[in-house]
N, C-alpha and C. Protein backbone atom coordinates (compact mmCIF):
# COMPACT_ATOMS: atom_id res chain seq x y z
N MET A 1 -53.60 -21.84 -11.59
CA MET A 1 -52.57 -22.71 -12.10
C MET A 1 -51.32 -22.62 -11.23
N ARG A 2 -51.02 -21.39 -10.75
CA ARG A 2 -49.84 -21.25 -9.89
C ARG A 2 -49.98 -22.07 -8.61
N VAL A 3 -51.18 -22.03 -8.01
CA VAL A 3 -51.43 -22.78 -6.77
C VAL A 3 -51.35 -24.28 -7.05
N PHE A 4 -51.97 -24.72 -8.12
CA PHE A 4 -51.95 -26.13 -8.51
C PHE A 4 -50.52 -26.63 -8.67
N ARG A 5 -49.70 -25.87 -9.39
CA ARG A 5 -48.32 -26.29 -9.63
C ARG A 5 -47.50 -26.26 -8.35
N ALA A 6 -47.71 -25.23 -7.52
CA ALA A 6 -46.96 -25.13 -6.27
C ALA A 6 -47.28 -26.30 -5.35
N LEU A 7 -48.57 -26.61 -5.17
CA LEU A 7 -48.95 -27.72 -4.29
C LEU A 7 -48.43 -29.05 -4.79
N ASN A 8 -48.53 -29.28 -6.08
CA ASN A 8 -48.03 -30.53 -6.65
C ASN A 8 -46.51 -30.59 -6.68
N GLY A 9 -45.88 -29.44 -6.54
CA GLY A 9 -44.42 -29.39 -6.48
C GLY A 9 -43.88 -29.54 -5.06
N GLY A 10 -44.78 -29.77 -4.10
CA GLY A 10 -44.35 -29.96 -2.71
C GLY A 10 -44.17 -28.69 -1.93
N LYS A 11 -44.57 -27.56 -2.49
CA LYS A 11 -44.41 -26.27 -1.82
C LYS A 11 -45.65 -25.96 -0.98
N SER A 12 -45.46 -25.07 -0.02
CA SER A 12 -46.56 -24.62 0.83
C SER A 12 -47.21 -23.39 0.21
N VAL A 13 -48.53 -23.32 0.26
CA VAL A 13 -49.29 -22.22 -0.30
C VAL A 13 -50.31 -21.76 0.74
N LYS A 14 -50.49 -20.45 0.86
CA LYS A 14 -51.48 -19.93 1.79
C LYS A 14 -52.84 -19.85 1.08
N LEU A 15 -53.81 -20.62 1.58
CA LEU A 15 -55.17 -20.64 1.03
C LEU A 15 -56.13 -20.21 2.12
N ASP A 16 -56.85 -19.12 1.88
CA ASP A 16 -57.78 -18.57 2.88
C ASP A 16 -57.10 -18.38 4.22
N GLY A 17 -55.86 -17.92 4.19
CA GLY A 17 -55.13 -17.62 5.40
C GLY A 17 -54.49 -18.83 6.08
N VAL A 18 -54.60 -19.99 5.49
CA VAL A 18 -54.06 -21.22 6.08
C VAL A 18 -52.94 -21.76 5.19
N ASP A 19 -51.78 -22.02 5.80
CA ASP A 19 -50.70 -22.64 5.03
C ASP A 19 -51.11 -24.06 4.68
N THR A 20 -51.07 -24.37 3.38
CA THR A 20 -51.51 -25.67 2.89
C THR A 20 -50.39 -26.29 2.09
N ARG A 21 -50.23 -27.59 2.27
CA ARG A 21 -49.17 -28.31 1.56
C ARG A 21 -49.63 -29.74 1.35
N PHE A 22 -49.29 -30.32 0.22
CA PHE A 22 -49.55 -31.73 -0.04
C PHE A 22 -48.31 -32.50 0.43
N PRO A 23 -48.39 -33.17 1.57
CA PRO A 23 -47.18 -33.81 2.11
C PRO A 23 -46.62 -34.93 1.23
N LEU A 24 -47.43 -35.53 0.40
CA LEU A 24 -46.94 -36.63 -0.44
C LEU A 24 -46.54 -36.18 -1.84
N ALA A 25 -46.61 -34.88 -2.10
CA ALA A 25 -46.24 -34.37 -3.43
C ALA A 25 -44.76 -34.65 -3.68
N GLY A 26 -44.46 -35.01 -4.93
CA GLY A 26 -43.13 -35.46 -5.27
C GLY A 26 -42.11 -34.40 -5.62
N GLY A 27 -42.48 -33.13 -5.61
CA GLY A 27 -41.52 -32.09 -5.94
C GLY A 27 -41.28 -31.91 -7.43
N TRP A 28 -42.23 -32.31 -8.26
CA TRP A 28 -42.09 -32.15 -9.70
C TRP A 28 -43.03 -31.04 -10.18
N ARG A 29 -42.85 -30.60 -11.39
CA ARG A 29 -43.72 -29.59 -11.98
C ARG A 29 -44.88 -30.30 -12.66
N ALA A 30 -46.07 -30.07 -12.14
CA ALA A 30 -47.26 -30.71 -12.70
C ALA A 30 -47.65 -30.05 -14.02
N THR A 31 -48.14 -30.85 -14.93
CA THR A 31 -48.63 -30.34 -16.20
C THR A 31 -50.10 -29.96 -16.03
N GLY A 32 -50.44 -28.77 -16.48
CA GLY A 32 -51.82 -28.31 -16.36
C GLY A 32 -52.41 -27.98 -17.71
N VAL A 33 -53.54 -28.59 -18.00
CA VAL A 33 -54.27 -28.32 -19.24
C VAL A 33 -55.50 -27.51 -18.86
N VAL A 34 -55.73 -26.39 -19.56
CA VAL A 34 -56.78 -25.46 -19.21
C VAL A 34 -57.83 -25.40 -20.30
N ALA A 35 -59.10 -25.40 -19.90
CA ALA A 35 -60.19 -25.28 -20.87
C ALA A 35 -60.55 -23.82 -21.07
N GLY A 36 -60.98 -23.49 -22.27
CA GLY A 36 -61.39 -22.12 -22.54
C GLY A 36 -62.45 -22.06 -23.61
N TYR A 37 -63.35 -21.10 -23.47
CA TYR A 37 -64.41 -20.91 -24.44
C TYR A 37 -64.46 -19.43 -24.77
N GLY A 38 -64.14 -19.09 -25.98
CA GLY A 38 -64.12 -17.68 -26.40
C GLY A 38 -62.68 -17.19 -26.53
N PRO A 39 -62.48 -16.12 -27.28
CA PRO A 39 -61.12 -15.65 -27.58
C PRO A 39 -60.30 -15.25 -26.35
N LYS A 40 -60.89 -14.52 -25.42
CA LYS A 40 -60.13 -14.08 -24.24
C LYS A 40 -59.77 -15.26 -23.35
N ALA A 41 -60.72 -16.15 -23.13
CA ALA A 41 -60.45 -17.32 -22.30
C ALA A 41 -59.39 -18.21 -22.93
N LEU A 42 -59.43 -18.36 -24.24
CA LEU A 42 -58.44 -19.19 -24.93
C LEU A 42 -57.05 -18.56 -24.89
N ARG A 43 -56.99 -17.25 -25.00
CA ARG A 43 -55.68 -16.58 -24.88
C ARG A 43 -55.10 -16.80 -23.49
N THR A 44 -55.95 -16.68 -22.47
CA THR A 44 -55.51 -16.90 -21.10
C THR A 44 -55.09 -18.35 -20.89
N ALA A 45 -55.89 -19.28 -21.39
CA ALA A 45 -55.57 -20.70 -21.26
C ALA A 45 -54.23 -21.01 -21.93
N GLY A 46 -54.00 -20.45 -23.11
CA GLY A 46 -52.74 -20.66 -23.81
C GLY A 46 -51.56 -20.04 -23.09
N ARG A 47 -51.82 -18.94 -22.35
CA ARG A 47 -50.75 -18.25 -21.62
C ARG A 47 -50.36 -18.98 -20.34
N ILE A 48 -51.33 -19.50 -19.60
CA ILE A 48 -51.02 -20.09 -18.30
C ILE A 48 -50.93 -21.61 -18.30
N GLY A 49 -51.52 -22.25 -19.28
CA GLY A 49 -51.55 -23.72 -19.27
C GLY A 49 -50.48 -24.34 -20.13
N ASP A 50 -50.30 -25.63 -19.93
CA ASP A 50 -49.38 -26.40 -20.76
C ASP A 50 -50.09 -26.96 -21.98
N GLY A 51 -51.39 -26.85 -21.99
CA GLY A 51 -52.21 -27.31 -23.09
C GLY A 51 -53.57 -26.66 -22.98
N VAL A 52 -54.34 -26.72 -24.04
CA VAL A 52 -55.66 -26.08 -24.09
C VAL A 52 -56.70 -27.10 -24.51
N ILE A 53 -57.83 -27.11 -23.80
CA ILE A 53 -58.97 -27.91 -24.18
C ILE A 53 -59.98 -26.97 -24.82
N LEU A 54 -60.36 -27.25 -26.05
CA LEU A 54 -61.31 -26.41 -26.76
C LEU A 54 -62.72 -26.96 -26.62
N GLN A 55 -63.65 -26.08 -26.29
CA GLN A 55 -65.07 -26.43 -26.30
C GLN A 55 -65.68 -25.57 -27.38
N LEU A 56 -66.16 -26.19 -28.42
CA LEU A 56 -66.63 -25.44 -29.58
C LEU A 56 -68.10 -25.76 -29.86
N PRO A 57 -68.90 -24.71 -30.14
CA PRO A 57 -70.31 -24.96 -30.45
C PRO A 57 -70.52 -25.52 -31.85
N ILE A 58 -69.65 -25.10 -32.77
CA ILE A 58 -69.75 -25.57 -34.15
C ILE A 58 -68.34 -25.80 -34.70
N PRO A 59 -68.15 -26.77 -35.53
CA PRO A 59 -66.79 -27.08 -36.02
C PRO A 59 -66.10 -25.94 -36.74
N ILE A 60 -66.84 -25.06 -37.39
CA ILE A 60 -66.20 -24.02 -38.19
C ILE A 60 -65.42 -23.01 -37.34
N SER A 61 -65.76 -22.88 -36.05
CA SER A 61 -65.08 -21.90 -35.21
C SER A 61 -63.74 -22.40 -34.68
N SER A 62 -63.34 -23.62 -34.97
CA SER A 62 -62.11 -24.17 -34.42
C SER A 62 -60.87 -23.45 -34.94
N ASN A 63 -60.87 -22.96 -36.16
CA ASN A 63 -59.69 -22.27 -36.69
C ASN A 63 -59.36 -21.02 -35.89
N GLY A 64 -60.35 -20.21 -35.58
CA GLY A 64 -60.12 -19.01 -34.79
C GLY A 64 -59.68 -19.33 -33.38
N ALA A 65 -60.27 -20.35 -32.78
CA ALA A 65 -59.91 -20.76 -31.42
C ALA A 65 -58.47 -21.25 -31.37
N LEU A 66 -58.08 -22.06 -32.32
CA LEU A 66 -56.70 -22.55 -32.36
C LEU A 66 -55.72 -21.41 -32.58
N ALA A 67 -56.09 -20.47 -33.43
CA ALA A 67 -55.21 -19.33 -33.69
C ALA A 67 -55.01 -18.49 -32.44
N SER A 68 -56.09 -18.27 -31.66
CA SER A 68 -55.99 -17.46 -30.44
C SER A 68 -55.06 -18.10 -29.42
N SER A 69 -55.22 -19.39 -29.18
CA SER A 69 -54.36 -20.05 -28.19
C SER A 69 -52.93 -20.20 -28.72
N ALA A 70 -52.75 -20.40 -30.01
CA ALA A 70 -51.41 -20.52 -30.58
C ALA A 70 -50.65 -19.20 -30.47
N LYS A 71 -51.33 -18.07 -30.66
CA LYS A 71 -50.67 -16.77 -30.52
C LYS A 71 -50.17 -16.55 -29.10
N ALA A 72 -50.97 -16.94 -28.11
CA ALA A 72 -50.55 -16.79 -26.72
C ALA A 72 -49.32 -17.66 -26.43
N LEU A 73 -49.32 -18.88 -26.94
CA LEU A 73 -48.17 -19.77 -26.74
C LEU A 73 -46.92 -19.22 -27.41
N GLU A 74 -47.07 -18.67 -28.60
CA GLU A 74 -45.92 -18.12 -29.32
C GLU A 74 -45.33 -16.93 -28.57
N ARG A 75 -46.18 -16.09 -27.98
CA ARG A 75 -45.69 -14.94 -27.21
C ARG A 75 -44.86 -15.40 -26.02
N LEU A 76 -45.18 -16.57 -25.48
CA LEU A 76 -44.43 -17.10 -24.34
C LEU A 76 -43.18 -17.86 -24.77
N GLY A 77 -43.01 -18.03 -26.07
CA GLY A 77 -41.87 -18.77 -26.57
C GLY A 77 -42.11 -20.27 -26.68
N ALA A 78 -43.36 -20.68 -26.43
CA ALA A 78 -43.70 -22.10 -26.56
C ALA A 78 -44.04 -22.39 -28.01
N ILE A 79 -43.85 -23.59 -28.42
CA ILE A 79 -44.17 -23.99 -29.78
C ILE A 79 -45.45 -24.81 -29.75
N PRO A 80 -46.54 -24.27 -30.31
CA PRO A 80 -47.79 -25.03 -30.30
C PRO A 80 -47.66 -26.33 -31.08
N GLN A 81 -48.18 -27.40 -30.48
CA GLN A 81 -48.19 -28.69 -31.17
C GLN A 81 -49.44 -28.79 -32.01
N LYS A 82 -49.42 -29.69 -32.97
CA LYS A 82 -50.59 -29.88 -33.79
C LYS A 82 -51.75 -30.37 -32.93
N SER A 83 -52.94 -29.98 -33.28
CA SER A 83 -54.12 -30.41 -32.53
C SER A 83 -54.33 -31.90 -32.71
N ARG A 84 -54.88 -32.52 -31.69
CA ARG A 84 -55.13 -33.96 -31.75
C ARG A 84 -56.60 -34.23 -31.72
């Protein structure tokens, strides 16, 4: 996510030893939505992303998944929005 945001923000990033830059990037902060499956992945997605995509095997597990990502957002001071 750091590399994605840096490149879209017009900054140079070293990738595999090569300085890389998107010359047409507008210098803005890109929004990144991260997918996660499982409690640890969802906590990480909630911590580093601006939004979380849930992949759920059964509808009943959505409450736990939402709670995991919401806790990570709250620790960062972000306010989780209602799910859509």
